[in-house]
Amino acid sequence: MGDAAFLLHFVVCFTQVSNSTEDCKPALFNFSKESAYVIPIMAFSFLCHTSVLPIYCELQSPSRSRMQKVANTGIGLSFLVYLLSALFGYLTFYDHVESELLQGYSKYLPHDTLITTVKIGILLAVLLTVPLIHFPARKAVMMLFSPHLPFSIIRHIFVTLVLNATIVLIAMYVPDLKQLFGVVGSTTSTCLLFVYPGLFYLKLSTEDFLSRQKLGACGLLVFGLVVGFLSLALIIYNWALQ
C-alpha cells in the first residue's frame, strides 16, 4: 500500500506540473534572464586546456596528430553526453528544469535506485578528476607567488591544503553552483577559450594581417570579449534584481 500511495502521489504531482497545456509546448529557443548563464557554463564545461599536457605525456608515442584525435574524441563524446542530458531534461520538465538536472529528477523520484546510482557515478567522476585539475592549479599559484624560490615540501603541502579547503568551502556555502559557473565561465573560461588563443596567434604569426587566419583570430578575440563582458553584465544585473 505504501508503494502504491507513493506512485499515485508521484503521478498526480507530475501531472499537475508537466501536463498543463502551456508547459507541454517545447520551444526551440527559449530566452529569459537565465539565458545569460548559457554560454559561460558551456565555456566552463568544455574547458579542457589544463588537462592537455598531462594527457599528452601519457600517450604512447605522443604526437600532434594523436593528441588532436584524443581531443576531438573527448570533446565529441562530452558534447554528445551534454546534448542528450539537456535534451531529455528539457523534454521532461520544460520550464521547470532546475539549474542542476538531477535536482529535478530527485524532486519527483527521491528514492529511485537509478537516480542514486547516477549521483554516485558523478561523485566518483568529480573525485577522480580533481587531481588532474589540481596539479596545474597548484603549479600556477606557486609560479605566480614564488617563481624564483627553490622547491619546498612545506610550501607544496600548504598550497595543496589551501586549494582543497577553498574547494570544500565553496561546495558547502555556495547555494547554487550556477552562479559560480556563470562568473568563472564569463571571465576565465572565455579568456582561455576565445581571447587568449586569438591574441597568441596574432602575436606569434608572421602572416599578413588581412590573411584568413589572422582575420579568424581577430574574430575569435572580438567574440570572446563581447560574450564575456555581455554575460558578466547580465549575470550582475540578475543579481541586482534578486
Protein backbone atom coordinates (compact mmCIF):
# COMPACT_ATOMS: atom_id res chain seq x y z
CA MET A 1 0.00 0.00 0.00
CA GLY A 2 2.88 2.38 0.75
CA ASP A 3 4.41 1.93 -2.72
CA ALA A 4 1.03 2.31 -4.39
CA ALA A 5 0.31 5.53 -2.47
CA PHE A 6 3.73 6.94 -3.35
CA LEU A 7 3.24 6.07 -7.03
CA LEU A 8 -0.21 7.70 -7.05
CA HIS A 9 1.18 10.83 -5.37
CA PHE A 10 4.01 10.99 -7.92
CA VAL A 11 1.62 10.66 -10.86
CA VAL A 12 -0.64 13.40 -9.50
CA CYS A 13 2.26 15.80 -8.85
CA PHE A 14 3.87 15.13 -12.20
CA THR A 15 0.56 15.61 -13.99
CA GLN A 16 -0.04 18.92 -12.24
CA VAL A 17 3.45 20.21 -13.05
CA SER A 18 4.21 18.94 -16.53
CA ASN A 19 0.96 18.16 -18.30
CA SER A 20 -0.64 21.58 -18.46
CA THR A 21 -1.32 22.92 -21.93
CA GLU A 22 1.33 25.64 -21.88
CA ASP A 23 4.11 23.55 -20.35
CA CYS A 24 3.76 20.84 -22.98
CA LYS A 25 4.76 23.15 -25.82
CA PRO A 26 8.53 22.90 -26.18
CA ALA A 27 10.25 25.82 -27.88
CA LEU A 28 13.40 25.56 -29.98
CA PHE A 29 14.66 28.82 -28.45
CA ASN A 30 13.53 29.98 -25.02
CA PHE A 31 15.12 33.27 -23.91
CA SER A 32 14.86 34.51 -20.33
CA LYS A 33 17.08 36.10 -17.70
CA GLU A 34 18.65 32.67 -17.17
CA SER A 35 19.98 32.73 -20.75
CA ALA A 36 22.91 34.86 -19.52
CA TYR A 37 24.37 31.72 -17.94
CA VAL A 38 24.20 29.54 -21.06
CA ILE A 39 27.40 30.42 -22.91
CA PRO A 40 29.55 30.88 -19.76
CA ILE A 41 28.51 27.47 -18.40
CA MET A 42 29.11 25.85 -21.80
CA ALA A 43 32.54 27.51 -21.95
CA PHE A 44 33.31 26.25 -18.45
CA SER A 45 32.15 22.73 -19.35
CA PHE A 46 34.45 22.42 -22.36
CA LEU A 47 37.47 23.98 -20.69
CA CYS A 48 39.95 21.13 -21.02
CA HIS A 49 43.15 23.15 -21.57
CA THR A 50 44.58 22.26 -18.17
CA SER A 51 44.40 18.55 -18.99
CA VAL A 52 46.12 18.69 -22.39
CA LEU A 53 49.74 18.42 -21.25
CA PRO A 54 49.20 15.61 -18.66
CA ILE A 55 47.23 13.60 -21.22
CA TYR A 56 49.82 14.27 -23.92
CA CYS A 57 52.57 12.91 -21.66
CA GLU A 58 50.58 9.71 -21.10
CA LEU A 59 50.18 8.96 -24.81
CA GLN A 60 52.14 6.14 -26.40
CA SER A 61 54.44 7.77 -28.98
CA PRO A 62 52.92 11.24 -28.40
CA SER A 63 52.48 13.42 -31.44
CA ARG A 64 50.40 16.37 -32.55
CA SER A 65 48.09 14.25 -34.71
CA ARG A 66 47.46 11.72 -31.94
CA MET A 67 46.72 14.45 -29.43
CA GLN A 68 44.33 16.04 -31.93
CA LYS A 69 42.46 12.74 -32.27
CA VAL A 70 42.25 12.41 -28.47
CA ALA A 71 40.93 15.96 -28.16
CA ASN A 72 38.38 15.50 -30.94
CA THR A 73 37.15 12.23 -29.44
CA GLY A 74 36.95 13.58 -25.89
CA ILE A 75 35.19 16.83 -26.82
CA GLY A 76 32.86 15.00 -29.20
CA LEU A 77 31.79 12.47 -26.55
CA SER A 78 31.36 15.23 -23.96
CA PHE A 79 29.22 17.23 -26.37
CA LEU A 80 27.05 14.17 -27.06
CA VAL A 81 26.53 13.47 -23.34
CA TYR A 82 25.70 17.11 -22.57
CA LEU A 83 23.36 17.35 -25.56
CA LEU A 84 21.40 14.22 -24.66
CA SER A 85 21.19 15.22 -20.99
CA ALA A 86 19.98 18.71 -21.81
CA LEU A 87 17.52 17.49 -24.46
CA PHE A 88 15.82 14.84 -22.36
CA GLY A 89 15.93 17.03 -19.26
CA TYR A 90 14.10 19.79 -21.12
CA LEU A 91 11.60 17.40 -22.71
CA THR A 92 10.87 16.03 -19.21
CA PHE A 93 10.44 19.25 -17.23
CA TYR A 94 10.14 22.04 -19.83
CA ASP A 95 10.09 25.38 -17.97
CA HIS A 96 10.60 23.63 -14.64
CA VAL A 97 14.16 22.47 -15.35
CA GLU A 98 16.35 23.04 -12.30
CA SER A 99 19.82 24.59 -12.50
CA GLU A 100 21.11 21.11 -11.73
CA LEU A 101 19.31 18.47 -13.79
CA LEU A 102 19.47 15.75 -11.13
CA GLN A 103 17.62 18.03 -8.70
CA GLY A 104 14.56 17.82 -10.91
CA TYR A 105 14.58 14.03 -11.02
CA SER A 106 15.35 13.80 -7.30
CA LYS A 107 12.37 16.03 -6.55
CA TYR A 108 9.89 13.54 -8.06
CA LEU A 109 11.90 10.34 -7.54
CA PRO A 110 13.75 10.93 -4.23
CA HIS A 111 14.45 7.26 -3.53
CA ASP A 112 14.89 5.95 -7.06
CA THR A 113 17.79 3.50 -7.41
CA LEU A 114 18.80 4.73 -10.86
CA ILE A 115 18.97 8.38 -9.77
CA THR A 116 21.04 7.44 -6.72
CA THR A 117 23.40 5.41 -8.92
CA VAL A 118 23.87 8.36 -11.27
CA LYS A 119 24.64 10.65 -8.31
CA ILE A 120 27.27 8.22 -7.03
CA GLY A 121 28.77 7.99 -10.53
CA ILE A 122 29.02 11.78 -10.82
CA LEU A 123 30.56 11.98 -7.34
CA LEU A 124 33.23 9.44 -8.28
CA ALA A 125 33.90 11.23 -11.57
CA VAL A 126 34.44 14.54 -9.76
CA LEU A 127 36.67 12.98 -7.10
CA LEU A 128 38.83 11.20 -9.68
CA THR A 129 39.26 14.26 -11.93
CA VAL A 130 40.12 16.74 -9.16
CA PRO A 131 43.83 15.70 -9.06
CA LEU A 132 44.11 16.22 -12.83
CA ILE A 133 42.87 19.81 -12.45
CA HIS A 134 44.53 20.43 -9.09
CA PHE A 135 48.06 19.84 -10.42
CA PRO A 136 48.12 22.79 -12.88
CA ALA A 137 46.22 24.98 -10.39
CA ARG A 138 48.85 24.43 -7.69
CA LYS A 139 51.63 24.91 -10.22
CA ALA A 140 50.12 28.21 -11.37
CA VAL A 141 49.77 29.51 -7.80
CA MET A 142 53.37 28.63 -6.94
CA MET A 143 54.71 30.18 -10.14
CA LEU A 144 52.66 33.32 -9.51
CA PHE A 145 53.76 33.95 -5.92
CA SER A 146 57.16 32.23 -5.68
CA PRO A 147 58.58 31.66 -9.18
CA HIS A 148 62.25 32.01 -8.19
CA LEU A 149 62.23 30.14 -4.91
CA PRO A 150 63.53 26.54 -4.72
CA PHE A 151 61.10 23.68 -4.22
CA SER A 152 59.79 23.38 -0.66
CA ILE A 153 57.67 20.47 0.54
CA ILE A 154 56.14 22.68 3.24
CA ARG A 155 55.03 25.28 0.72
CA HIS A 156 53.83 22.49 -1.59
CA ILE A 157 51.63 20.97 1.13
CA PHE A 158 50.39 24.39 2.27
CA VAL A 159 49.22 25.39 -1.22
CA THR A 160 47.56 22.00 -1.65
CA LEU A 161 45.65 22.32 1.62
CA VAL A 162 44.59 25.90 0.86
CA LEU A 163 43.25 24.95 -2.57
CA ASN A 164 41.39 21.93 -1.22
CA ALA A 165 39.95 23.94 1.68
CA THR A 166 38.76 26.62 -0.76
CA ILE A 167 37.04 23.99 -2.90
CA VAL A 168 35.32 22.45 0.12
CA LEU A 169 34.12 25.83 1.41
CA ILE A 170 32.71 26.77 -1.99
CA ALA A 171 30.90 23.43 -2.21
CA MET A 172 29.46 23.89 1.30
CA TYR A 173 28.38 27.53 1.25
CA VAL A 174 27.56 28.43 -2.35
CA PRO A 175 23.81 27.74 -2.61
CA ASP A 176 23.75 27.38 -6.39
CA LEU A 177 26.83 26.46 -8.40
CA LYS A 178 25.20 28.04 -11.44
CA GLN A 179 26.31 31.43 -10.10
CA LEU A 180 29.91 30.26 -9.71
CA PHE A 181 30.00 28.60 -13.12
CA GLY A 182 28.48 31.71 -14.69
CA VAL A 183 31.08 34.09 -13.27
CA VAL A 184 34.06 31.81 -13.94
CA GLY A 185 32.73 30.95 -17.38
CA SER A 186 32.22 34.57 -18.40
CA THR A 187 35.70 35.59 -17.24
CA THR A 188 38.34 32.88 -17.07
CA SER A 189 36.77 30.37 -19.45
CA THR A 190 36.01 32.84 -22.23
CA CYS A 191 39.56 34.18 -21.98
CA LEU A 192 41.12 30.72 -22.23
CA LEU A 193 38.76 29.56 -24.99
CA PHE A 194 38.50 32.64 -27.20
CA VAL A 195 40.55 35.67 -26.13
CA TYR A 196 43.99 34.21 -25.38
CA PRO A 197 44.19 31.87 -28.44
CA GLY A 198 43.33 34.80 -30.70
CA LEU A 199 45.87 37.08 -29.02
CA PHE A 200 48.63 34.46 -29.10
CA TYR A 201 48.06 33.75 -32.78
CA LEU A 202 48.13 37.46 -33.66
CA LYS A 203 51.32 37.87 -31.64
CA LEU A 204 53.21 34.85 -32.98
CA SER A 205 52.01 34.66 -36.56
CA THR A 206 54.07 36.33 -39.33
CA GLU A 207 51.27 36.26 -41.89
CA ASP A 208 49.70 39.35 -43.41
CA PHE A 209 47.05 40.94 -41.20
CA LEU A 210 44.39 40.54 -43.88
CA SER A 211 45.01 36.80 -44.21
CA ARG A 212 42.17 34.42 -43.45
CA GLN A 213 43.92 33.00 -40.39
CA LYS A 214 44.54 36.38 -38.77
CA LEU A 215 41.07 37.62 -39.56
CA GLY A 216 39.72 34.46 -37.94
CA ALA A 217 41.89 35.10 -34.88
CA CYS A 218 40.58 38.67 -34.69
CA GLY A 219 37.01 37.39 -34.94
CA LEU A 220 37.67 34.88 -32.17
CA LEU A 221 39.17 37.62 -29.99
CA VAL A 222 36.25 40.01 -30.53
CA PHE A 223 33.70 37.24 -29.98
CA GLY A 224 35.30 36.27 -26.66
CA LEU A 225 35.41 39.85 -25.41
CA VAL A 226 31.80 40.56 -26.37
CA VAL A 227 30.47 37.30 -24.93
CA GLY A 228 32.48 37.65 -21.72
CA PHE A 229 31.52 41.25 -20.95
CA LEU A 230 27.90 40.80 -22.01
CA SER A 231 27.41 37.61 -20.00
CA LEU A 232 29.07 39.05 -16.90
CA ALA A 233 26.99 42.22 -17.14
CA LEU A 234 23.74 40.23 -17.45
CA ILE A 235 24.72 37.99 -14.51
CA ILE A 236 25.43 41.02 -12.30
CA TYR A 237 22.14 42.56 -13.44
CA ASN A 238 20.29 39.36 -12.43
CA TRP A 239 21.92 39.53 -9.02
CA ALA A 240 20.74 43.11 -8.59
CA LEU A 241 17.15 42.08 -9.36
CA GLN A 242 17.15 39.32 -6.75
